[in-house]
Amino acid sequence: MARSQRTQPSTFTRVDQDSKKSLHSPTQRNSERGRRVSASIVAPSVHLNGTSREELYHGYETAYHSILSAKENMSRIEFNARDYYVQGAKAWEIASDHRIEQFAALSRIEEYLLQHLLALSK
């Protein structure tokens, strides 16, 4: 399989194959710019044979603003116990828990994208 066609591992922590030790500390210095980057991501490397910093930044920025918009739009949805009580005593509680979980998921994606933007910023 060609190098560019390889799939990335699902984990965000890269592992050195020789030592099998994590290459991340709680924060890892982005040596190119001297910025600290969260250990929860592996930021893309900008180099001559890769995608430009501007293209990467634009992609992450567009996704970031989409997540912010999704969170705002979800918060505008009418969400009231009167729409659930006919389903039983626990329906509202369950629906509320699900809604909280979905906002938390969006917040995790927002943070992931923000960390990439910080790593790619000039």
C-alpha atoms as a PDB file:
ATOM      1  CA  MET A   1       0.000   0.000   0.000  1.00  0.00           C
ATOM      2  CA  ALA A   2       1.344   3.419  -0.910  1.00  0.00           C
ATOM      3  CA  ARG A   3       2.407   5.612   1.985  1.00  0.00           C
ATOM      4  CA  SER A   4      -0.215   8.279   1.216  1.00  0.00           C
ATOM      5  CA  GLN A   5      -3.009   5.658   1.205  1.00  0.00           C
ATOM      6  CA  ARG A   6      -2.320   4.292   4.675  1.00  0.00           C
ATOM      7  CA  THR A   7      -5.040   4.893   7.190  1.00  0.00           C
ATOM      8  CA  GLN A   8      -4.194   6.736  10.371  1.00  0.00           C
ATOM      9  CA  PRO A   9      -4.610   4.968  13.715  1.00  0.00           C
ATOM     10  CA  SER A  10      -7.759   5.881  15.607  1.00  0.00           C
ATOM     11  CA  THR A  11      -5.806   7.092  18.622  1.00  0.00           C
ATOM     12  CA  PHE A  12      -4.353  10.585  18.743  1.00  0.00           C
ATOM     13  CA  THR A  13      -1.182   9.596  20.609  1.00  0.00           C
ATOM     14  CA  ARG A  14       1.623   8.554  18.270  1.00  0.00           C
ATOM     15  CA  VAL A  15       3.809   5.694  19.467  1.00  0.00           C
ATOM     16  CA  ASP A  16       7.476   5.224  18.633  1.00  0.00           C
ATOM     17  CA  GLN A  17       7.652   1.733  17.114  1.00  0.00           C
ATOM     18  CA  ASP A  18      11.171   1.092  18.427  1.00  0.00           C
ATOM     19  CA  SER A  19      10.633   2.003  22.043  1.00  0.00           C
ATOM     20  CA  LYS A  20       6.824   1.610  22.196  1.00  0.00           C
ATOM     21  CA  LYS A  21       6.795   4.718  24.370  1.00  0.00           C
ATOM     22  CA  SER A  22       4.433   7.607  23.816  1.00  0.00           C
ATOM     23  CA  LEU A  23       6.061  10.563  22.103  1.00  0.00           C
ATOM     24  CA  HIS A  24       3.783  12.973  23.978  1.00  0.00           C
ATOM     25  CA  SER A  25       4.141  14.526  27.366  1.00  0.00           C
ATOM     26  CA  PRO A  26       1.150  16.325  28.927  1.00  0.00           C
ATOM     27  CA  THR A  27       1.996  19.163  26.576  1.00  0.00           C
ATOM     28  CA  GLN A  28       4.296  18.797  23.616  1.00  0.00           C
ATOM     29  CA  ARG A  29       6.366  21.603  22.215  1.00  0.00           C
ATOM     30  CA  ASN A  30       5.669  22.320  18.586  1.00  0.00           C
ATOM     31  CA  SER A  31       9.334  22.731  17.727  1.00  0.00           C
ATOM     32  CA  GLU A  32       8.741  24.585  14.479  1.00  0.00           C
ATOM     33  CA  ARG A  33       7.100  27.563  16.189  1.00  0.00           C
ATOM     34  CA  GLY A  34       7.858  27.032  19.867  1.00  0.00           C
ATOM     35  CA  ARG A  35       4.134  26.773  20.800  1.00  0.00           C
ATOM     36  CA  ARG A  36       2.656  24.322  23.228  1.00  0.00           C
ATOM     37  CA  VAL A  37       0.100  21.934  21.740  1.00  0.00           C
ATOM     38  CA  SER A  38      -2.325  19.714  23.630  1.00  0.00           C
ATOM     39  CA  ALA A  39      -1.172  16.119  23.949  1.00  0.00           C
ATOM     40  CA  SER A  40      -4.607  14.959  22.833  1.00  0.00           C
ATOM     41  CA  ILE A  41      -3.830  15.599  19.166  1.00  0.00           C
ATOM     42  CA  VAL A  42      -1.056  14.983  16.715  1.00  0.00           C
ATOM     43  CA  ALA A  43      -0.920  18.154  14.660  1.00  0.00           C
ATOM     44  CA  PRO A  44      -0.154  17.842  10.957  1.00  0.00           C
ATOM     45  CA  SER A  45       3.425  18.507   9.923  1.00  0.00           C
ATOM     46  CA  VAL A  46       3.794  21.344   7.453  1.00  0.00           C
ATOM     47  CA  HIS A  47       6.584  20.606   4.985  1.00  0.00           C
ATOM     48  CA  LEU A  48       7.409  21.060   1.299  1.00  0.00           C
ATOM     49  CA  ASN A  49       5.924  17.724   0.232  1.00  0.00           C
ATOM     50  CA  GLY A  50       2.676  18.166   2.180  1.00  0.00           C
ATOM     51  CA  THR A  51      -0.448  20.271   2.338  1.00  0.00           C
ATOM     52  CA  SER A  52       0.147  23.981   2.805  1.00  0.00           C
ATOM     53  CA  ARG A  53      -0.360  25.561   6.229  1.00  0.00           C
ATOM     54  CA  GLU A  54      -2.998  27.870   4.720  1.00  0.00           C
ATOM     55  CA  GLU A  55      -5.040  25.009   3.245  1.00  0.00           C
ATOM     56  CA  LEU A  56      -4.879  23.013   6.476  1.00  0.00           C
ATOM     57  CA  TYR A  57      -5.802  26.049   8.566  1.00  0.00           C
ATOM     58  CA  HIS A  58      -8.719  26.934   6.286  1.00  0.00           C
ATOM     59  CA  GLY A  59     -10.097  23.387   6.494  1.00  0.00           C
ATOM     60  CA  TYR A  60      -9.924  23.241  10.285  1.00  0.00           C
ATOM     61  CA  GLU A  61     -11.276  26.797  10.587  1.00  0.00           C
ATOM     62  CA  THR A  62     -14.284  26.013   8.388  1.00  0.00           C
ATOM     63  CA  ALA A  63     -15.066  22.894  10.417  1.00  0.00           C
ATOM     64  CA  TYR A  64     -14.584  24.804  13.693  1.00  0.00           C
ATOM     65  CA  HIS A  65     -17.076  27.495  12.700  1.00  0.00           C
ATOM     66  CA  SER A  66     -19.524  24.813  11.547  1.00  0.00           C
ATOM     67  CA  ILE A  67     -19.389  23.188  14.984  1.00  0.00           C
ATOM     68  CA  LEU A  68     -19.961  26.552  16.678  1.00  0.00           C
ATOM     69  CA  SER A  69     -22.933  27.101  14.391  1.00  0.00           C
ATOM     70  CA  ALA A  70     -24.300  23.614  15.110  1.00  0.00           C
ATOM     71  CA  LYS A  71     -24.074  24.236  18.856  1.00  0.00           C
ATOM     72  CA  GLU A  72     -25.853  27.563  18.496  1.00  0.00           C
ATOM     73  CA  ASN A  73     -28.574  26.064  16.284  1.00  0.00           C
ATOM     74  CA  MET A  74     -29.108  23.146  18.656  1.00  0.00           C
ATOM     75  CA  SER A  75     -29.507  25.543  21.571  1.00  0.00           C
ATOM     76  CA  ARG A  76     -32.322  27.276  19.658  1.00  0.00           C
ATOM     77  CA  ILE A  77     -34.372  24.079  19.356  1.00  0.00           C
ATOM     78  CA  GLU A  78     -37.425  24.227  21.601  1.00  0.00           C
ATOM     79  CA  PHE A  79     -36.714  21.697  24.348  1.00  0.00           C
ATOM     80  CA  ASN A  80     -39.428  21.390  26.961  1.00  0.00           C
ATOM     81  CA  ALA A  81     -40.752  18.677  29.278  1.00  0.00           C
ATOM     82  CA  ARG A  82     -44.278  19.212  27.911  1.00  0.00           C
ATOM     83  CA  ASP A  83     -43.158  17.449  24.723  1.00  0.00           C
ATOM     84  CA  TYR A  84     -42.092  14.301  26.590  1.00  0.00           C
ATOM     85  CA  TYR A  85     -44.404  13.698  29.553  1.00  0.00           C
ATOM     86  CA  VAL A  86     -46.858  11.589  27.523  1.00  0.00           C
ATOM     87  CA  GLN A  87     -44.078   9.008  27.054  1.00  0.00           C
ATOM     88  CA  GLY A  88     -43.764   8.341  30.769  1.00  0.00           C
ATOM     89  CA  ALA A  89     -42.185   9.685  33.920  1.00  0.00           C
ATOM     90  CA  LYS A  90     -38.557   9.064  32.837  1.00  0.00           C
ATOM     91  CA  ALA A  91     -38.819  10.297  29.231  1.00  0.00           C
ATOM     92  CA  TRP A  92     -37.864  13.912  30.003  1.00  0.00           C
ATOM     93  CA  GLU A  93     -34.913  12.845  32.143  1.00  0.00           C
ATOM     94  CA  ILE A  94     -33.640  10.490  29.440  1.00  0.00           C
ATOM     95  CA  ALA A  95     -34.121  13.095  26.690  1.00  0.00           C
ATOM     96  CA  SER A  96     -32.291  15.685  28.807  1.00  0.00           C
ATOM     97  CA  ASP A  97     -29.391  13.303  29.400  1.00  0.00           C
ATOM     98  CA  HIS A  98     -29.165  12.563  25.667  1.00  0.00           C
ATOM     99  CA  ARG A  99     -29.150  16.257  24.840  1.00  0.00           C
ATOM    100  CA  ILE A 100     -26.342  16.893  27.328  1.00  0.00           C
ATOM    101  CA  GLU A 101     -24.346  14.030  25.774  1.00  0.00           C
ATOM    102  CA  GLN A 102     -24.774  15.491  22.287  1.00  0.00           C
ATOM    103  CA  PHE A 103     -23.616  18.951  23.373  1.00  0.00           C
ATOM    104  CA  ALA A 104     -20.626  17.338  25.093  1.00  0.00           C
ATOM    105  CA  ALA A 105     -19.760  15.490  21.871  1.00  0.00           C
ATOM    106  CA  LEU A 106     -19.876  18.742  19.911  1.00  0.00           C
ATOM    107  CA  SER A 107     -17.697  20.401  22.555  1.00  0.00           C
ATOM    108  CA  ARG A 108     -15.099  17.625  22.227  1.00  0.00           C
ATOM    109  CA  ILE A 109     -15.023  18.130  18.446  1.00  0.00           C
ATOM    110  CA  GLU A 110     -14.783  21.896  18.961  1.00  0.00           C
ATOM    111  CA  GLU A 111     -11.758  21.426  21.234  1.00  0.00           C
ATOM    112  CA  TYR A 112     -10.125  18.992  18.781  1.00  0.00           C
ATOM    113  CA  LEU A 113     -10.473  21.501  15.943  1.00  0.00           C
ATOM    114  CA  LEU A 114      -9.323  24.405  18.109  1.00  0.00           C
ATOM    115  CA  GLN A 115      -6.163  22.535  19.086  1.00  0.00           C
ATOM    116  CA  HIS A 116      -5.378  22.043  15.396  1.00  0.00           C
ATOM    117  CA  LEU A 117      -5.963  25.730  14.705  1.00  0.00           C
ATOM    118  CA  LEU A 118      -3.640  26.692  17.543  1.00  0.00           C
ATOM    119  CA  ALA A 119      -0.965  24.325  16.268  1.00  0.00           C
ATOM    120  CA  LEU A 120      -1.256  25.706  12.751  1.00  0.00           C
ATOM    121  CA  SER A 121      -1.526  29.385  13.654  1.00  0.00           C
ATOM    122  CA  LYS A 122       1.241  31.729  12.623  1.00  0.00           C
END
